[in-house]
């Protein structure tokens, strides 16, 4: 399930077909460095009642959505990580109101997967990456 901000439509698949293997590899290598902290942040977002649908914005440059958690190179990472959630994406018209139900239906288990909104050059889309096994 993907949202392309220029289309304001969700596609019903787990990861965008536009996410090439090289980009997914770069994200995955970086993700393992901050995965434990993102999993805890996801838990806190849900536990404190902010949202059942946490989303972490991943970008090379700071994005204008969410709150900064980790700046590039803070933990040896190459990407910025910002915490957000579904309602902020709806409020900013990045996910259309008509797509909320589809987003919720396709949202993966927050205990097992991290929902990332990746911004890289001309690509912007949701990617679900499993948290590393302990």
C-alpha atoms as a PDB file:
ATOM      1  CA  UNK A   1       0.000   0.000   0.000  1.00  0.00           C
ATOM      2  CA  UNK A   2       1.550   3.190  -1.158  1.00  0.00           C
ATOM      3  CA  UNK A   3       0.679   6.827  -1.239  1.00  0.00           C
ATOM      4  CA  UNK A   4       2.242   8.945  -3.911  1.00  0.00           C
ATOM      5  CA  UNK A   5       1.701  12.493  -2.746  1.00  0.00           C
ATOM      6  CA  UNK A   6       1.216  13.756  -6.281  1.00  0.00           C
ATOM      7  CA  UNK A   7      -1.583  11.230  -6.896  1.00  0.00           C
ATOM      8  CA  UNK A   8      -3.152  11.222  -3.406  1.00  0.00           C
ATOM      9  CA  UNK A   9      -4.114   7.587  -4.016  1.00  0.00           C
ATOM     10  CA  UNK A  10      -3.112   4.398  -2.247  1.00  0.00           C
ATOM     11  CA  UNK A  11      -2.034   1.334  -4.153  1.00  0.00           C
ATOM     12  CA  UNK A  12      -2.846  -2.012  -2.579  1.00  0.00           C
ATOM     13  CA  UNK A  13       0.558  -3.617  -2.141  1.00  0.00           C
ATOM     14  CA  UNK A  14       3.006  -3.856   0.731  1.00  0.00           C
ATOM     15  CA  UNK A  15       5.816  -1.873  -0.836  1.00  0.00           C
ATOM     16  CA  UNK A  16       5.879   0.356  -3.860  1.00  0.00           C
ATOM     17  CA  UNK A  17       7.020  -1.272  -7.095  1.00  0.00           C
ATOM     18  CA  UNK A  18       8.989   1.941  -7.593  1.00  0.00           C
ATOM     19  CA  UNK A  19      11.246   1.114  -4.638  1.00  0.00           C
ATOM     20  CA  UNK A  20      14.168  -0.394  -6.453  1.00  0.00           C
ATOM     21  CA  UNK A  21      16.321  -2.992  -4.774  1.00  0.00           C
ATOM     22  CA  UNK A  22      19.247  -0.593  -4.379  1.00  0.00           C
ATOM     23  CA  UNK A  23      17.103   1.961  -2.502  1.00  0.00           C
ATOM     24  CA  UNK A  24      15.480  -0.750  -0.385  1.00  0.00           C
ATOM     25  CA  UNK A  25      18.952  -2.099   0.424  1.00  0.00           C
ATOM     26  CA  UNK A  26      20.193   1.344   1.507  1.00  0.00           C
ATOM     27  CA  UNK A  27      17.128   1.859   3.674  1.00  0.00           C
ATOM     28  CA  UNK A  28      17.425  -1.611   5.224  1.00  0.00           C
ATOM     29  CA  UNK A  29      21.129  -1.199   6.053  1.00  0.00           C
ATOM     30  CA  UNK A  30      20.396   2.110   7.728  1.00  0.00           C
ATOM     31  CA  UNK A  31      17.201   0.906   9.386  1.00  0.00           C
ATOM     32  CA  UNK A  32      18.946  -1.766  11.467  1.00  0.00           C
ATOM     33  CA  UNK A  33      20.956   0.990  13.212  1.00  0.00           C
ATOM     34  CA  UNK A  34      17.830   2.695  14.559  1.00  0.00           C
ATOM     35  CA  UNK A  35      15.273  -0.146  14.516  1.00  0.00           C
ATOM     36  CA  UNK A  36      15.150  -0.668  18.293  1.00  0.00           C
ATOM     37  CA  UNK A  37      14.575   3.031  18.915  1.00  0.00           C
ATOM     38  CA  UNK A  38      11.898   3.232  16.197  1.00  0.00           C
ATOM     39  CA  UNK A  39      10.134   0.191  17.637  1.00  0.00           C
ATOM     40  CA  UNK A  40      10.096   1.865  21.051  1.00  0.00           C
ATOM     41  CA  UNK A  41       8.873   5.142  19.530  1.00  0.00           C
ATOM     42  CA  UNK A  42       6.104   3.244  17.737  1.00  0.00           C
ATOM     43  CA  UNK A  43       5.101   1.616  21.018  1.00  0.00           C
ATOM     44  CA  UNK A  44       5.051   4.981  22.818  1.00  0.00           C
ATOM     45  CA  UNK A  45       2.971   6.625  20.063  1.00  0.00           C
ATOM     46  CA  UNK A  46       0.399   3.836  20.398  1.00  0.00           C
ATOM     47  CA  UNK A  47       0.554   3.521  24.207  1.00  0.00           C
ATOM     48  CA  UNK A  48       0.063   7.258  24.747  1.00  0.00           C
ATOM     49  CA  UNK A  49      -2.927   7.302  22.428  1.00  0.00           C
ATOM     50  CA  UNK A  50      -1.517   9.527  19.690  1.00  0.00           C
ATOM     51  CA  UNK A  51      -2.291   6.975  16.983  1.00  0.00           C
ATOM     52  CA  UNK A  52      -2.583   3.277  16.256  1.00  0.00           C
ATOM     53  CA  UNK A  53      -0.789   3.978  12.962  1.00  0.00           C
ATOM     54  CA  UNK A  54       2.714   5.369  13.520  1.00  0.00           C
ATOM     55  CA  UNK A  55       4.665   6.366  10.416  1.00  0.00           C
ATOM     56  CA  UNK A  56       8.349   7.245  10.344  1.00  0.00           C
ATOM     57  CA  UNK A  57       9.464   9.673   7.650  1.00  0.00           C
ATOM     58  CA  UNK A  58      12.844   8.713   6.191  1.00  0.00           C
ATOM     59  CA  UNK A  59      14.693  11.260   4.074  1.00  0.00           C
ATOM     60  CA  UNK A  60      18.141  12.642   3.323  1.00  0.00           C
ATOM     61  CA  UNK A  61      17.012  16.196   4.060  1.00  0.00           C
ATOM     62  CA  UNK A  62      14.685  17.143   6.922  1.00  0.00           C
ATOM     63  CA  UNK A  63      11.070  16.862   5.800  1.00  0.00           C
ATOM     64  CA  UNK A  64       8.237  19.168   6.751  1.00  0.00           C
ATOM     65  CA  UNK A  65       6.233  16.408   8.390  1.00  0.00           C
ATOM     66  CA  UNK A  66       6.632  14.753  11.760  1.00  0.00           C
ATOM     67  CA  UNK A  67       9.082  15.410  14.562  1.00  0.00           C
ATOM     68  CA  UNK A  68      12.797  14.742  14.158  1.00  0.00           C
ATOM     69  CA  UNK A  69      13.950  11.662  16.035  1.00  0.00           C
ATOM     70  CA  UNK A  70      17.384  11.050  14.533  1.00  0.00           C
ATOM     71  CA  UNK A  71      19.300  13.364  12.271  1.00  0.00           C
ATOM     72  CA  UNK A  72      21.613  11.924   9.666  1.00  0.00           C
ATOM     73  CA  UNK A  73      24.780  10.493  11.178  1.00  0.00           C
ATOM     74  CA  UNK A  74      23.475  10.780  14.760  1.00  0.00           C
ATOM     75  CA  UNK A  75      23.754   7.022  15.203  1.00  0.00           C
ATOM     76  CA  UNK A  76      25.873   6.191  12.183  1.00  0.00           C
ATOM     77  CA  UNK A  77      22.754   6.439  10.035  1.00  0.00           C
ATOM     78  CA  UNK A  78      22.609   7.958   6.542  1.00  0.00           C
ATOM     79  CA  UNK A  79      18.982   9.085   6.725  1.00  0.00           C
ATOM     80  CA  UNK A  80      16.899  11.402   8.888  1.00  0.00           C
ATOM     81  CA  UNK A  81      14.076   9.732  10.824  1.00  0.00           C
ATOM     82  CA  UNK A  82      11.028  11.724  11.839  1.00  0.00           C
ATOM     83  CA  UNK A  83       8.035  10.437  13.818  1.00  0.00           C
ATOM     84  CA  UNK A  84       4.543  10.970  12.517  1.00  0.00           C
ATOM     85  CA  UNK A  85       1.254   9.089  12.228  1.00  0.00           C
ATOM     86  CA  UNK A  86      -1.621   8.564   9.834  1.00  0.00           C
ATOM     87  CA  UNK A  87      -3.708  11.568  10.919  1.00  0.00           C
ATOM     88  CA  UNK A  88      -0.885  14.007  10.118  1.00  0.00           C
ATOM     89  CA  UNK A  89      -0.686  12.545   6.604  1.00  0.00           C
ATOM     90  CA  UNK A  90      -4.446  13.009   6.246  1.00  0.00           C
ATOM     91  CA  UNK A  91      -4.293  16.553   7.651  1.00  0.00           C
ATOM     92  CA  UNK A  92      -1.592  17.462   5.121  1.00  0.00           C
ATOM     93  CA  UNK A  93      -3.515  15.817   2.260  1.00  0.00           C
ATOM     94  CA  UNK A  94      -0.746  13.282   1.660  1.00  0.00           C
ATOM     95  CA  UNK A  95      -3.295  10.520   2.246  1.00  0.00           C
ATOM     96  CA  UNK A  96      -6.747  11.360   0.976  1.00  0.00           C
ATOM     97  CA  UNK A  97      -9.700  10.958   3.321  1.00  0.00           C
ATOM     98  CA  UNK A  98     -11.104   8.430   0.842  1.00  0.00           C
ATOM     99  CA  UNK A  99      -7.943   6.311   1.270  1.00  0.00           C
ATOM    100  CA  UNK A 100      -7.862   6.118   5.076  1.00  0.00           C
ATOM    101  CA  UNK A 101      -9.828   2.875   5.272  1.00  0.00           C
ATOM    102  CA  UNK A 102      -7.587   1.236   2.673  1.00  0.00           C
ATOM    103  CA  UNK A 103      -4.486   2.456   4.527  1.00  0.00           C
ATOM    104  CA  UNK A 104      -5.781   0.955   7.790  1.00  0.00           C
ATOM    105  CA  UNK A 105      -6.687  -2.347   6.105  1.00  0.00           C
ATOM    106  CA  UNK A 106      -3.171  -2.680   4.688  1.00  0.00           C
ATOM    107  CA  UNK A 107      -1.217  -1.358   7.664  1.00  0.00           C
ATOM    108  CA  UNK A 108       1.011  -4.129   8.976  1.00  0.00           C
ATOM    109  CA  UNK A 109       1.307  -5.213  12.620  1.00  0.00           C
ATOM    110  CA  UNK A 110       3.226  -2.458  14.467  1.00  0.00           C
ATOM    111  CA  UNK A 111       4.908  -4.987  16.739  1.00  0.00           C
ATOM    112  CA  UNK A 112       6.510  -6.731  13.757  1.00  0.00           C
ATOM    113  CA  UNK A 113       6.819  -4.072  11.032  1.00  0.00           C
ATOM    114  CA  UNK A 114       7.874  -0.467  10.840  1.00  0.00           C
ATOM    115  CA  UNK A 115       5.908   1.796   8.522  1.00  0.00           C
ATOM    116  CA  UNK A 116       8.319   4.136   6.763  1.00  0.00           C
ATOM    117  CA  UNK A 117       7.429   6.986   4.446  1.00  0.00           C
ATOM    118  CA  UNK A 118      10.530   7.248   2.275  1.00  0.00           C
ATOM    119  CA  UNK A 119      11.370  10.463   0.458  1.00  0.00           C
ATOM    120  CA  UNK A 120      14.234  10.103  -2.029  1.00  0.00           C
ATOM    121  CA  UNK A 121      14.592  12.385  -5.053  1.00  0.00           C
ATOM    122  CA  UNK A 122      11.361  12.006  -7.058  1.00  0.00           C
ATOM    123  CA  UNK A 123      10.115   9.006  -5.056  1.00  0.00           C
ATOM    124  CA  UNK A 124       7.859   9.279  -2.022  1.00  0.00           C
ATOM    125  CA  UNK A 125       6.054   6.217  -0.736  1.00  0.00           C
ATOM    126  CA  UNK A 126       5.264   3.924   2.151  1.00  0.00           C
ATOM    127  CA  UNK A 127       7.509   0.958   2.848  1.00  0.00           C
ATOM    128  CA  UNK A 128       7.009  -1.684   5.533  1.00  0.00           C
ATOM    129  CA  UNK A 129      10.189  -3.198   6.918  1.00  0.00           C
ATOM    130  CA  UNK A 130      10.206  -5.968   9.519  1.00  0.00           C
ATOM    131  CA  UNK A 131      11.975  -5.192  12.759  1.00  0.00           C
ATOM    132  CA  UNK A 132      15.091  -7.333  13.209  1.00  0.00           C
ATOM    133  CA  UNK A 133      14.609 -10.485  15.268  1.00  0.00           C
ATOM    134  CA  UNK A 134      16.154 -10.357  18.728  1.00  0.00           C
END
